[in-house]
Amino acid sequence: MPAATIGNDYYRHHEDSHALIGDRTGQSYRLGDAVTVKLVEAAPVAGALRFELLSEGRYEKAPRGKRTRHEQPKSRYKKRRR
């Protein structure tokens, strides 16, 4: 399953932890995780199968100190309207 089809995040491969971790969300899929998939397409002549990922990954802290959308600090100052 191509990493680009997992979701609306950019997933990087972390070789040391055998995981794909989303840059924006911190959502991760590790080698050996149980996932639920749906068969989308089968090409018997080529012997190819295409799957769609249905289950969500684990949510961990975003890698390399990046904050997720929900962890952004709130500003002490209100924006002025003009």
N, C-alpha and C. Protein backbone atom coordinates (compact mmCIF):
# COMPACT_ATOMS: atom_id res chain seq x y z
N MET A 1 0.84 -1.16 0.00
CA MET A 1 0.00 0.00 0.00
C MET A 1 0.89 1.24 0.00
N PRO A 2 0.76 2.13 -0.97
CA PRO A 2 1.59 3.33 -1.02
C PRO A 2 1.30 4.26 0.17
N ALA A 3 2.34 4.86 0.71
CA ALA A 3 2.18 5.77 1.85
C ALA A 3 1.32 6.97 1.49
N ALA A 4 1.30 7.37 0.24
CA ALA A 4 0.51 8.52 -0.18
C ALA A 4 -1.00 8.27 -0.06
N THR A 5 -1.42 7.01 0.03
CA THR A 5 -2.84 6.69 0.12
C THR A 5 -3.32 6.55 1.56
N ILE A 6 -2.44 6.73 2.53
CA ILE A 6 -2.82 6.53 3.94
C ILE A 6 -3.77 7.61 4.43
N GLY A 7 -3.48 8.85 4.18
CA GLY A 7 -4.34 9.92 4.68
C GLY A 7 -3.90 11.26 4.15
N ASN A 8 -4.40 12.32 4.78
CA ASN A 8 -4.08 13.66 4.30
C ASN A 8 -2.93 14.27 5.10
N ASP A 9 -1.86 13.53 5.24
CA ASP A 9 -0.66 13.96 5.94
C ASP A 9 0.54 13.47 5.13
N TYR A 10 1.71 14.01 5.43
CA TYR A 10 2.93 13.53 4.78
C TYR A 10 3.62 12.59 5.76
N TYR A 11 3.74 11.32 5.39
CA TYR A 11 4.32 10.31 6.26
C TYR A 11 5.78 10.09 5.91
N ARG A 12 6.62 10.09 6.94
CA ARG A 12 8.05 9.82 6.77
C ARG A 12 8.37 8.46 7.37
N HIS A 13 9.29 7.76 6.73
CA HIS A 13 9.73 6.45 7.24
C HIS A 13 10.83 6.66 8.27
N HIS A 14 10.63 6.14 9.47
CA HIS A 14 11.63 6.20 10.53
C HIS A 14 12.21 4.80 10.68
N GLU A 15 13.39 4.64 10.13
CA GLU A 15 14.01 3.32 10.05
C GLU A 15 14.28 2.71 11.42
N ASP A 16 14.72 3.53 12.38
CA ASP A 16 15.07 3.01 13.70
C ASP A 16 13.87 2.42 14.44
N SER A 17 12.67 2.98 14.24
CA SER A 17 11.48 2.47 14.93
C SER A 17 10.57 1.66 14.00
N HIS A 18 10.98 1.45 12.77
CA HIS A 18 10.20 0.70 11.77
C HIS A 18 8.78 1.25 11.71
N ALA A 19 8.66 2.57 11.46
CA ALA A 19 7.35 3.20 11.48
C ALA A 19 7.23 4.27 10.41
N LEU A 20 5.99 4.52 10.01
CA LEU A 20 5.64 5.68 9.19
C LEU A 20 4.95 6.65 10.14
N ILE A 21 5.46 7.89 10.23
CA ILE A 21 4.91 8.86 11.17
C ILE A 21 4.53 10.12 10.40
N GLY A 22 3.31 10.58 10.60
CA GLY A 22 2.80 11.78 9.92
C GLY A 22 3.43 13.03 10.48
N ASP A 23 3.89 13.91 9.59
CA ASP A 23 4.53 15.16 10.00
C ASP A 23 3.59 16.08 10.76
N ARG A 24 2.37 16.23 10.28
CA ARG A 24 1.44 17.20 10.86
C ARG A 24 0.71 16.65 12.08
N THR A 25 0.25 15.41 12.00
CA THR A 25 -0.59 14.86 13.06
C THR A 25 0.15 14.03 14.09
N GLY A 26 1.28 13.45 13.70
CA GLY A 26 1.98 12.55 14.61
C GLY A 26 1.39 11.15 14.60
N GLN A 27 0.44 10.90 13.72
CA GLN A 27 -0.17 9.59 13.60
C GLN A 27 0.87 8.62 13.06
N SER A 28 0.95 7.40 13.66
CA SER A 28 2.00 6.48 13.24
C SER A 28 1.45 5.09 12.96
N TYR A 29 2.12 4.41 12.06
CA TYR A 29 1.87 3.01 11.73
C TYR A 29 3.21 2.30 11.85
N ARG A 30 3.29 1.32 12.74
CA ARG A 30 4.54 0.59 12.96
C ARG A 30 4.46 -0.81 12.37
N LEU A 31 5.61 -1.34 12.06
CA LEU A 31 5.70 -2.70 11.54
C LEU A 31 5.08 -3.65 12.58
N GLY A 32 4.13 -4.45 12.15
CA GLY A 32 3.48 -5.40 13.04
C GLY A 32 2.16 -4.92 13.61
N ASP A 33 1.80 -3.64 13.38
CA ASP A 33 0.50 -3.14 13.86
C ASP A 33 -0.62 -3.85 13.11
N ALA A 34 -1.68 -4.19 13.83
CA ALA A 34 -2.86 -4.77 13.19
C ALA A 34 -3.67 -3.64 12.56
N VAL A 35 -4.02 -3.78 11.29
CA VAL A 35 -4.81 -2.78 10.58
C VAL A 35 -5.96 -3.46 9.86
N THR A 36 -6.99 -2.69 9.55
CA THR A 36 -8.12 -3.18 8.79
C THR A 36 -8.05 -2.54 7.41
N VAL A 37 -8.15 -3.36 6.36
CA VAL A 37 -8.07 -2.87 4.99
C VAL A 37 -9.27 -3.36 4.20
N LYS A 38 -9.52 -2.68 3.09
CA LYS A 38 -10.59 -3.07 2.17
C LYS A 38 -9.97 -3.29 0.80
N LEU A 39 -10.31 -4.39 0.16
CA LEU A 39 -9.82 -4.66 -1.19
C LEU A 39 -10.57 -3.76 -2.17
N VAL A 40 -9.83 -2.89 -2.86
CA VAL A 40 -10.43 -1.92 -3.77
C VAL A 40 -10.39 -2.41 -5.21
N GLU A 41 -9.29 -3.05 -5.57
CA GLU A 41 -9.12 -3.46 -6.96
C GLU A 41 -8.25 -4.72 -7.02
N ALA A 42 -8.62 -5.63 -7.92
CA ALA A 42 -7.82 -6.83 -8.15
C ALA A 42 -7.61 -7.00 -9.65
N ALA A 43 -6.35 -7.21 -10.05
CA ALA A 43 -6.01 -7.44 -11.45
C ALA A 43 -5.43 -8.85 -11.56
N PRO A 44 -6.27 -9.84 -11.85
CA PRO A 44 -5.82 -11.23 -11.86
C PRO A 44 -4.70 -11.51 -12.86
N VAL A 45 -4.72 -10.88 -14.01
CA VAL A 45 -3.69 -11.12 -15.02
C VAL A 45 -2.32 -10.68 -14.51
N ALA A 46 -2.27 -9.52 -13.87
CA ALA A 46 -1.01 -9.00 -13.35
C ALA A 46 -0.71 -9.55 -11.95
N GLY A 47 -1.71 -10.13 -11.29
CA GLY A 47 -1.51 -10.62 -9.93
C GLY A 47 -1.38 -9.48 -8.94
N ALA A 48 -2.03 -8.35 -9.22
CA ALA A 48 -1.91 -7.17 -8.38
C ALA A 48 -3.19 -6.95 -7.56
N LEU A 49 -3.01 -6.50 -6.34
CA LEU A 49 -4.12 -6.15 -5.47
C LEU A 49 -3.91 -4.73 -4.95
N ARG A 50 -5.00 -3.97 -4.85
CA ARG A 50 -4.91 -2.61 -4.30
C ARG A 50 -5.87 -2.52 -3.13
N PHE A 51 -5.32 -2.04 -2.00
CA PHE A 51 -6.10 -1.97 -0.77
C PHE A 51 -6.30 -0.53 -0.33
N GLU A 52 -7.33 -0.32 0.49
CA GLU A 52 -7.59 0.97 1.12
C GLU A 52 -7.52 0.74 2.63
N LEU A 53 -6.81 1.61 3.33
CA LEU A 53 -6.65 1.51 4.77
C LEU A 53 -7.89 2.05 5.47
N LEU A 54 -8.50 1.26 6.36
CA LEU A 54 -9.70 1.68 7.07
C LEU A 54 -9.42 2.06 8.52
N SER A 55 -8.42 1.45 9.13
CA SER A 55 -8.15 1.72 10.54
C SER A 55 -7.21 2.91 10.70
N GLU A 56 -7.28 3.54 11.88
CA GLU A 56 -6.42 4.68 12.18
C GLU A 56 -5.16 4.20 12.89
N GLY A 57 -4.11 4.97 12.75
CA GLY A 57 -2.87 4.66 13.43
C GLY A 57 -2.88 5.17 14.86
N ARG A 58 -1.74 5.01 15.51
CA ARG A 58 -1.58 5.51 16.87
C ARG A 58 -1.27 7.00 16.81
N TYR A 59 -1.74 7.73 17.81
CA TYR A 59 -1.41 9.15 17.89
C TYR A 59 -0.35 9.33 18.95
N GLU A 60 0.76 9.86 18.52
CA GLU A 60 1.88 10.12 19.40
C GLU A 60 2.29 11.56 19.23
N LYS A 61 3.25 11.99 19.99
CA LYS A 61 3.74 13.35 19.81
C LYS A 61 4.28 13.50 18.40
N ALA A 62 4.07 14.66 17.82
CA ALA A 62 4.59 14.92 16.49
C ALA A 62 6.11 14.85 16.53
N PRO A 63 6.75 14.29 15.51
CA PRO A 63 8.20 14.12 15.52
C PRO A 63 8.97 15.42 15.45
N ARG A 64 10.16 15.41 15.95
CA ARG A 64 11.12 16.51 15.86
C ARG A 64 10.58 17.83 16.41
N GLY A 65 9.86 17.76 17.50
CA GLY A 65 9.43 18.97 18.17
C GLY A 65 8.30 19.72 17.49
N LYS A 66 7.76 19.20 16.41
CA LYS A 66 6.65 19.89 15.75
C LYS A 66 5.39 19.68 16.58
N ARG A 67 4.52 20.66 16.57
CA ARG A 67 3.28 20.56 17.32
C ARG A 67 2.14 20.25 16.37
N THR A 68 1.20 19.47 16.86
CA THR A 68 0.02 19.20 16.06
C THR A 68 -0.91 20.40 16.15
N ARG A 69 -1.94 20.40 15.36
CA ARG A 69 -2.88 21.52 15.33
C ARG A 69 -3.51 21.73 16.70
N HIS A 70 -3.77 20.66 17.44
CA HIS A 70 -4.43 20.77 18.74
C HIS A 70 -3.46 21.20 19.84
N GLU A 71 -2.18 21.11 19.61
CA GLU A 71 -1.19 21.47 20.63
C GLU A 71 -0.66 22.89 20.47
N GLN A 72 -1.14 23.62 19.49
CA GLN A 72 -0.64 24.98 19.27
C GLN A 72 -1.02 25.86 20.46
N PRO A 73 -0.09 26.65 20.98
CA PRO A 73 -0.42 27.53 22.10
C PRO A 73 -1.38 28.63 21.66
N LYS A 74 -2.28 28.99 22.54
CA LYS A 74 -3.23 30.06 22.22
C LYS A 74 -2.58 31.40 22.53
N SER A 75 -2.85 32.36 21.69
CA SER A 75 -2.28 33.68 21.86
C SER A 75 -2.95 34.39 23.04
N ARG A 76 -2.16 35.17 23.77
CA ARG A 76 -2.70 35.94 24.87
C ARG A 76 -3.42 37.18 24.37
N TYR A 77 -3.18 37.55 23.14
CA TYR A 77 -3.71 38.79 22.60
C TYR A 77 -4.75 38.49 21.54
N LYS A 78 -5.82 39.25 21.57
CA LYS A 78 -6.85 39.10 20.55
C LYS A 78 -6.47 39.91 19.33
N LYS A 79 -6.85 39.44 18.18
CA LYS A 79 -6.58 40.16 16.94
C LYS A 79 -7.55 41.33 16.83
N ARG A 80 -7.04 42.44 16.41
CA ARG A 80 -7.87 43.63 16.25
C ARG A 80 -8.57 43.59 14.91
N ARG A 81 -9.80 44.02 14.93
CA ARG A 81 -10.56 44.13 13.68
C ARG A 81 -10.40 45.54 13.16
N ARG A 82 -10.28 45.67 11.90
CA ARG A 82 -10.13 47.01 11.28
C ARG A 82 -11.40 47.44 10.63
